[in-house]
Every structure is written in structure tokens, then in C-alpha cells.
Amino acid sequence: MIEKFSDEELKQIKKELGINTYENSEKKFICRKEITELYALWDNKPCANHQPIFGIIDNTLCNYVKKKKRKDYNNGEAWGTPLIIPKHIEKEYIEMFNEILGVIKKHNRVWESDAE
């Protein structure tokens, strides 16, 4: 019976039931293993941040959405990257993160705060 509902109807039903599927598609949830591994590599570095990697992957895979911006700029809309990874690129997204992680592992250096 559930297959009779459209995607939009199912989304509305989930919303009314209080089922939040958004969280399970968030980048930080889907890539948590890779992020944990990255932070282990970058432990004790002053600027350890995984966000730039998300930006590289989003731009490469064209993961964009229209976002509301100030009313006086471009009719109040601009392109941005979403917090979620769409299902159709999820596998490639994780694959690309792992490939970038491989490059980081290859070239990662130990940071010594007292070295000049």
C-alpha cells in the first residue's frame, strides 16, 4: 500500500509523524568515519577542519541548492551547498572523501608547535 504514495506524500506523512530522515543524510553523519580518521591524522594541529573537504567535493560533484539570501541580491536567491548528500551521489561522495583522505595520509606532516 505504501508504494501508492508519491514521494511528496510520503515526505508529508513523515513530517506529520515527526520522523526526521534529514539527519541521516547529513554530511557529518554519512562521512563520520572519514571525519574521525581525518581528525586522528590532524590531532594537535591548530587548524584541523574538515569543512574545506566538503567544499571541494560539493563543487566537484555539483552538489548545489538554491538558498534564500538578502532580498536586494539576485532576487533573494543564490546557489549554495546543502548540509545533506543526495542519495544519488552518496557513494561517490564517500569515495571521493576517501581518495582525498589518502592524499592527506601520504603527505601529512607532524606539526611541532615550537619549531620555527
N, C-alpha and C. Protein backbone atom coordinates (compact mmCIF):
# COMPACT_ATOMS: atom_id res chain seq x y z
N MET A 1 0.81 -1.20 0.00
CA MET A 1 0.00 0.00 0.00
C MET A 1 0.85 1.26 0.00
N ILE A 2 1.98 1.21 0.69
CA ILE A 2 2.83 2.39 0.79
C ILE A 2 3.37 2.82 -0.58
N GLU A 3 3.54 1.85 -1.49
CA GLU A 3 4.05 2.20 -2.82
C GLU A 3 3.08 3.04 -3.63
N LYS A 4 1.86 3.17 -3.18
CA LYS A 4 0.86 4.01 -3.88
C LYS A 4 1.07 5.50 -3.61
N PHE A 5 1.80 5.83 -2.55
CA PHE A 5 2.03 7.22 -2.21
C PHE A 5 3.18 7.79 -3.04
N SER A 6 3.04 9.05 -3.40
CA SER A 6 4.13 9.73 -4.11
C SER A 6 5.21 10.10 -3.11
N ASP A 7 6.39 10.47 -3.61
CA ASP A 7 7.48 10.88 -2.72
C ASP A 7 7.06 12.08 -1.87
N GLU A 8 6.34 13.00 -2.48
CA GLU A 8 5.89 14.19 -1.76
C GLU A 8 4.90 13.82 -0.65
N GLU A 9 4.00 12.89 -0.94
CA GLU A 9 3.03 12.46 0.08
C GLU A 9 3.74 11.73 1.23
N LEU A 10 4.72 10.89 0.88
CA LEU A 10 5.48 10.20 1.93
C LEU A 10 6.26 11.18 2.80
N LYS A 11 6.81 12.20 2.17
CA LYS A 11 7.54 13.22 2.91
C LYS A 11 6.61 13.94 3.89
N GLN A 12 5.40 14.24 3.43
CA GLN A 12 4.42 14.91 4.29
C GLN A 12 3.99 14.01 5.44
N ILE A 13 3.78 12.73 5.17
CA ILE A 13 3.39 11.78 6.21
C ILE A 13 4.49 11.68 7.27
N LYS A 14 5.75 11.57 6.83
CA LYS A 14 6.86 11.51 7.77
C LYS A 14 6.94 12.77 8.62
N LYS A 15 6.69 13.90 7.98
CA LYS A 15 6.73 15.17 8.70
C LYS A 15 5.66 15.20 9.78
N GLU A 16 4.45 14.77 9.43
CA GLU A 16 3.35 14.77 10.39
C GLU A 16 3.57 13.77 11.51
N LEU A 17 4.28 12.68 11.23
CA LEU A 17 4.57 11.69 12.26
C LEU A 17 5.80 12.06 13.09
N GLY A 18 6.48 13.10 12.68
CA GLY A 18 7.67 13.54 13.40
C GLY A 18 8.91 12.72 13.10
N ILE A 19 8.92 12.06 11.94
CA ILE A 19 10.07 11.26 11.54
C ILE A 19 11.02 12.15 10.75
N ASN A 20 12.22 12.30 11.25
CA ASN A 20 13.20 13.17 10.61
C ASN A 20 14.24 12.32 9.89
N THR A 21 14.15 12.24 8.57
CA THR A 21 15.13 11.49 7.79
C THR A 21 16.28 12.38 7.34
N TYR A 22 16.14 13.68 7.51
CA TYR A 22 17.16 14.64 7.09
C TYR A 22 18.49 14.38 7.79
N GLU A 23 18.44 14.11 9.09
CA GLU A 23 19.66 13.92 9.87
C GLU A 23 20.50 12.78 9.33
N ASN A 24 19.88 11.71 8.88
CA ASN A 24 20.60 10.56 8.38
C ASN A 24 21.30 10.83 7.06
N SER A 25 20.96 11.90 6.36
CA SER A 25 21.58 12.25 5.09
C SER A 25 22.61 13.36 5.24
N GLU A 26 22.79 13.87 6.43
CA GLU A 26 23.74 14.96 6.64
C GLU A 26 25.16 14.48 6.39
N LYS A 27 25.97 15.38 5.82
CA LYS A 27 27.37 15.07 5.51
C LYS A 27 28.11 14.56 6.73
N LYS A 28 27.94 15.24 7.86
CA LYS A 28 28.69 14.86 9.06
C LYS A 28 28.29 13.48 9.58
N PHE A 29 27.08 13.03 9.26
CA PHE A 29 26.63 11.70 9.67
C PHE A 29 27.14 10.64 8.70
N ILE A 30 26.97 10.90 7.42
CA ILE A 30 27.38 9.93 6.39
C ILE A 30 28.89 9.76 6.35
N CYS A 31 29.64 10.83 6.55
CA CYS A 31 31.11 10.79 6.48
C CYS A 31 31.77 10.74 7.85
N ARG A 32 31.06 10.33 8.86
CA ARG A 32 31.60 10.37 10.22
C ARG A 32 32.86 9.52 10.38
N LYS A 33 32.93 8.36 9.73
CA LYS A 33 34.12 7.52 9.80
C LYS A 33 35.33 8.24 9.20
N GLU A 34 35.13 8.86 8.06
CA GLU A 34 36.21 9.56 7.38
C GLU A 34 36.65 10.80 8.17
N ILE A 35 35.69 11.53 8.73
CA ILE A 35 36.00 12.72 9.53
C ILE A 35 36.80 12.32 10.78
N THR A 36 36.40 11.23 11.42
CA THR A 36 37.11 10.74 12.61
C THR A 36 38.55 10.38 12.26
N GLU A 37 38.73 9.72 11.12
CA GLU A 37 40.07 9.34 10.67
C GLU A 37 40.91 10.58 10.36
N LEU A 38 40.29 11.57 9.74
CA LEU A 38 40.99 12.81 9.41
C LEU A 38 41.44 13.53 10.69
N TYR A 39 40.55 13.63 11.67
CA TYR A 39 40.92 14.30 12.91
C TYR A 39 42.01 13.55 13.67
N ALA A 40 42.06 12.23 13.52
CA ALA A 40 43.14 11.46 14.14
C ALA A 40 44.48 11.82 13.50
N LEU A 41 44.47 12.03 12.18
CA LEU A 41 45.69 12.45 11.47
C LEU A 41 46.10 13.86 11.85
N TRP A 42 45.12 14.72 12.02
CA TRP A 42 45.39 16.12 12.28
C TRP A 42 45.36 16.48 13.77
N ASP A 43 45.41 15.48 14.61
CA ASP A 43 45.39 15.71 16.04
C ASP A 43 46.52 16.68 16.43
N ASN A 44 46.19 17.62 17.26
CA ASN A 44 47.14 18.64 17.77
C ASN A 44 47.54 19.69 16.74
N LYS A 45 46.92 19.70 15.58
CA LYS A 45 47.21 20.78 14.63
C LYS A 45 46.23 21.91 14.91
N PRO A 46 46.69 23.15 14.84
CA PRO A 46 45.83 24.26 15.25
C PRO A 46 44.66 24.57 14.31
N CYS A 47 44.69 24.10 13.09
CA CYS A 47 43.63 24.45 12.13
C CYS A 47 42.96 23.23 11.54
N ALA A 48 42.78 22.18 12.31
CA ALA A 48 42.13 20.96 11.81
C ALA A 48 40.65 21.22 11.58
N ASN A 49 40.22 21.09 10.32
CA ASN A 49 38.84 21.36 9.96
C ASN A 49 38.49 20.57 8.71
N HIS A 50 37.40 19.82 8.74
CA HIS A 50 37.00 19.01 7.59
C HIS A 50 36.13 19.76 6.59
N GLN A 51 35.66 20.95 6.93
CA GLN A 51 34.74 21.68 6.05
C GLN A 51 35.29 21.97 4.65
N PRO A 52 36.58 22.34 4.51
CA PRO A 52 37.07 22.59 3.15
C PRO A 52 36.98 21.36 2.24
N ILE A 53 37.10 20.17 2.82
CA ILE A 53 36.98 18.95 2.02
C ILE A 53 35.56 18.82 1.49
N PHE A 54 34.58 19.13 2.32
CA PHE A 54 33.19 19.11 1.85
C PHE A 54 33.02 20.08 0.69
N GLY A 55 33.62 21.26 0.79
CA GLY A 55 33.51 22.26 -0.27
C GLY A 55 34.09 21.76 -1.58
N ILE A 56 35.25 21.11 -1.52
CA ILE A 56 35.88 20.56 -2.72
C ILE A 56 34.98 19.50 -3.36
N ILE A 57 34.46 18.61 -2.54
CA ILE A 57 33.62 17.53 -3.07
C ILE A 57 32.32 18.09 -3.63
N ASP A 58 31.67 19.01 -2.89
CA ASP A 58 30.42 19.60 -3.36
C ASP A 58 30.61 20.30 -4.71
N ASN A 59 31.68 21.07 -4.84
CA ASN A 59 31.94 21.75 -6.11
C ASN A 59 32.21 20.77 -7.23
N THR A 60 32.99 19.74 -6.96
CA THR A 60 33.34 18.75 -7.97
C THR A 60 32.11 17.98 -8.44
N LEU A 61 31.25 17.58 -7.50
CA LEU A 61 30.07 16.78 -7.84
C LEU A 61 28.83 17.63 -8.11
N CYS A 62 29.00 18.94 -8.14
CA CYS A 62 27.88 19.88 -8.39
C CYS A 62 26.73 19.67 -7.42
N ASN A 63 27.04 19.57 -6.15
CA ASN A 63 26.02 19.42 -5.12
C ASN A 63 25.60 20.81 -4.64
N TYR A 64 24.69 21.42 -5.37
CA TYR A 64 24.23 22.78 -5.08
C TYR A 64 22.72 22.82 -4.88
N VAL A 65 22.28 23.81 -4.13
CA VAL A 65 20.86 24.10 -3.98
C VAL A 65 20.67 25.61 -4.00
N LYS A 66 19.47 26.04 -4.36
CA LYS A 66 19.14 27.48 -4.28
C LYS A 66 18.87 27.80 -2.82
N LYS A 67 19.49 28.88 -2.35
CA LYS A 67 19.29 29.31 -0.97
C LYS A 67 18.76 30.73 -0.96
N LYS A 68 17.96 31.02 0.02
CA LYS A 68 17.45 32.37 0.18
C LYS A 68 18.53 33.26 0.76
N LYS A 69 18.71 34.41 0.16
CA LYS A 69 19.71 35.37 0.61
C LYS A 69 19.00 36.71 0.83
N ARG A 70 19.80 37.74 1.00
CA ARG A 70 19.22 39.07 1.17
C ARG A 70 18.32 39.40 -0.02
N LYS A 71 17.26 40.09 0.24
CA LYS A 71 16.27 40.42 -0.80
C LYS A 71 16.84 41.27 -1.93
N ASP A 72 17.82 42.12 -1.60
CA ASP A 72 18.34 43.02 -2.63
C ASP A 72 19.42 42.40 -3.51
N TYR A 73 19.76 41.15 -3.26
CA TYR A 73 20.80 40.50 -4.05
C TYR A 73 20.22 39.36 -4.88
N ASN A 74 20.29 39.48 -6.18
CA ASN A 74 19.90 38.41 -7.10
C ASN A 74 18.49 37.87 -6.81
N ASN A 75 17.55 38.75 -6.62
CA ASN A 75 16.16 38.37 -6.33
C ASN A 75 16.02 37.52 -5.06
N GLY A 76 16.94 37.69 -4.15
CA GLY A 76 16.85 36.98 -2.87
C GLY A 76 17.29 35.53 -2.93
N GLU A 77 17.90 35.09 -4.03
CA GLU A 77 18.33 33.71 -4.14
C GLU A 77 19.80 33.65 -4.57
N ALA A 78 20.46 32.61 -4.13
CA ALA A 78 21.84 32.35 -4.54
C ALA A 78 22.10 30.86 -4.42
N TRP A 79 23.08 30.39 -5.14
CA TRP A 79 23.44 28.98 -5.06
C TRP A 79 24.34 28.75 -3.86
N GLY A 80 24.16 27.61 -3.20
CA GLY A 80 24.99 27.22 -2.08
C GLY A 80 25.06 25.71 -1.99
N THR A 81 25.82 25.23 -1.04
CA THR A 81 25.91 23.78 -0.86
C THR A 81 25.03 23.37 0.32
N PRO A 82 24.31 22.27 0.17
CA PRO A 82 23.41 21.84 1.24
C PRO A 82 24.15 21.08 2.34
N LEU A 83 23.50 20.89 3.46
CA LEU A 83 24.06 20.11 4.56
C LEU A 83 23.95 18.62 4.30
N ILE A 84 23.15 18.26 3.33
CA ILE A 84 22.91 16.84 3.07
C ILE A 84 23.61 16.38 1.80
N ILE A 85 23.76 15.06 1.70
CA ILE A 85 24.28 14.44 0.49
C ILE A 85 23.11 13.72 -0.16
N PRO A 86 22.73 14.11 -1.37
CA PRO A 86 21.65 13.41 -2.06
C PRO A 86 22.00 11.93 -2.27
N LYS A 87 21.02 11.06 -2.18
CA LYS A 87 21.23 9.61 -2.29
C LYS A 87 21.96 9.24 -3.58
N HIS A 88 21.66 9.94 -4.69
CA HIS A 88 22.24 9.53 -5.97
C HIS A 88 23.74 9.80 -6.08
N ILE A 89 24.32 10.59 -5.18
CA ILE A 89 25.78 10.83 -5.22
C ILE A 89 26.46 10.39 -3.92
N GLU A 90 25.71 9.78 -3.02
CA GLU A 90 26.25 9.42 -1.70
C GLU A 90 27.48 8.52 -1.81
N LYS A 91 27.41 7.47 -2.61
CA LYS A 91 28.52 6.52 -2.74
C LYS A 91 29.76 7.22 -3.31
N GLU A 92 29.57 8.03 -4.36
CA GLU A 92 30.68 8.74 -4.98
C GLU A 92 31.25 9.79 -4.02
N TYR A 93 30.39 10.41 -3.23
CA TYR A 93 30.82 11.42 -2.24
C TYR A 93 31.79 10.80 -1.24
N ILE A 94 31.40 9.65 -0.68
CA ILE A 94 32.24 8.96 0.30
C ILE A 94 33.53 8.48 -0.36
N GLU A 95 33.42 7.98 -1.59
CA GLU A 95 34.60 7.52 -2.33
C GLU A 95 35.59 8.68 -2.53
N MET A 96 35.07 9.83 -2.90
CA MET A 96 35.93 10.99 -3.13
C MET A 96 36.57 11.46 -1.82
N PHE A 97 35.81 11.45 -0.72
CA PHE A 97 36.36 11.83 0.58
C PHE A 97 37.52 10.90 0.93
N ASN A 98 37.33 9.60 0.69
CA ASN A 98 38.39 8.63 1.00
C ASN A 98 39.62 8.84 0.12
N GLU A 99 39.42 9.21 -1.13
CA GLU A 99 40.55 9.48 -2.02
C GLU A 99 41.34 10.71 -1.53
N ILE A 100 40.63 11.74 -1.12
CA ILE A 100 41.29 12.94 -0.57
C ILE A 100 42.02 12.58 0.73
N LEU A 101 41.38 11.76 1.54
CA LEU A 101 41.99 11.30 2.78
C LEU A 101 43.28 10.53 2.49
N GLY A 102 43.30 9.75 1.42
CA GLY A 102 44.51 9.03 1.02
C GLY A 102 45.65 9.98 0.67
N VAL A 103 45.34 11.06 -0.03
CA VAL A 103 46.36 12.07 -0.37
C VAL A 103 46.87 12.74 0.90
N ILE A 104 45.97 13.05 1.81
CA ILE A 104 46.37 13.68 3.08
C ILE A 104 47.28 12.73 3.87
N LYS A 105 46.93 11.44 3.92
CA LYS A 105 47.77 10.47 4.63
C LYS A 105 49.17 10.42 4.02
N LYS A 106 49.25 10.46 2.71
CA LYS A 106 50.52 10.37 2.02
C LYS A 106 51.43 11.57 2.34
N HIS A 107 50.85 12.75 2.46
CA HIS A 107 51.64 13.97 2.61
C HIS A 107 51.57 14.60 4.01
N ASN A 108 50.86 13.97 4.92
CA ASN A 108 50.66 14.55 6.25
C ASN A 108 51.98 14.65 7.01
N ARG A 109 52.22 15.78 7.63
CA ARG A 109 53.41 16.01 8.44
C ARG A 109 53.00 16.26 9.89
N VAL A 110 53.92 15.93 10.77
CA VAL A 110 53.70 16.19 12.19
C VAL A 110 53.97 17.67 12.42
N TRP A 111 53.06 18.34 13.07
CA TRP A 111 53.24 19.75 13.38
C TRP A 111 53.85 19.87 14.76
N GLU A 112 54.94 20.59 14.81
CA GLU A 112 55.59 20.84 16.09
C GLU A 112 55.43 22.32 16.41
N SER A 113 54.71 22.60 17.44
CA SER A 113 54.36 23.98 17.76
C SER A 113 55.58 24.85 18.10
N ASP A 114 56.64 24.24 18.58
CA ASP A 114 57.83 25.02 18.97
C ASP A 114 58.82 25.18 17.81
N ALA A 115 58.62 24.44 16.72
CA ALA A 115 59.54 24.52 15.58
C ALA A 115 59.32 25.83 14.83
N GLU A 116 60.38 26.41 14.37
CA GLU A 116 60.25 27.66 13.62
C GLU A 116 61.01 27.61 12.35
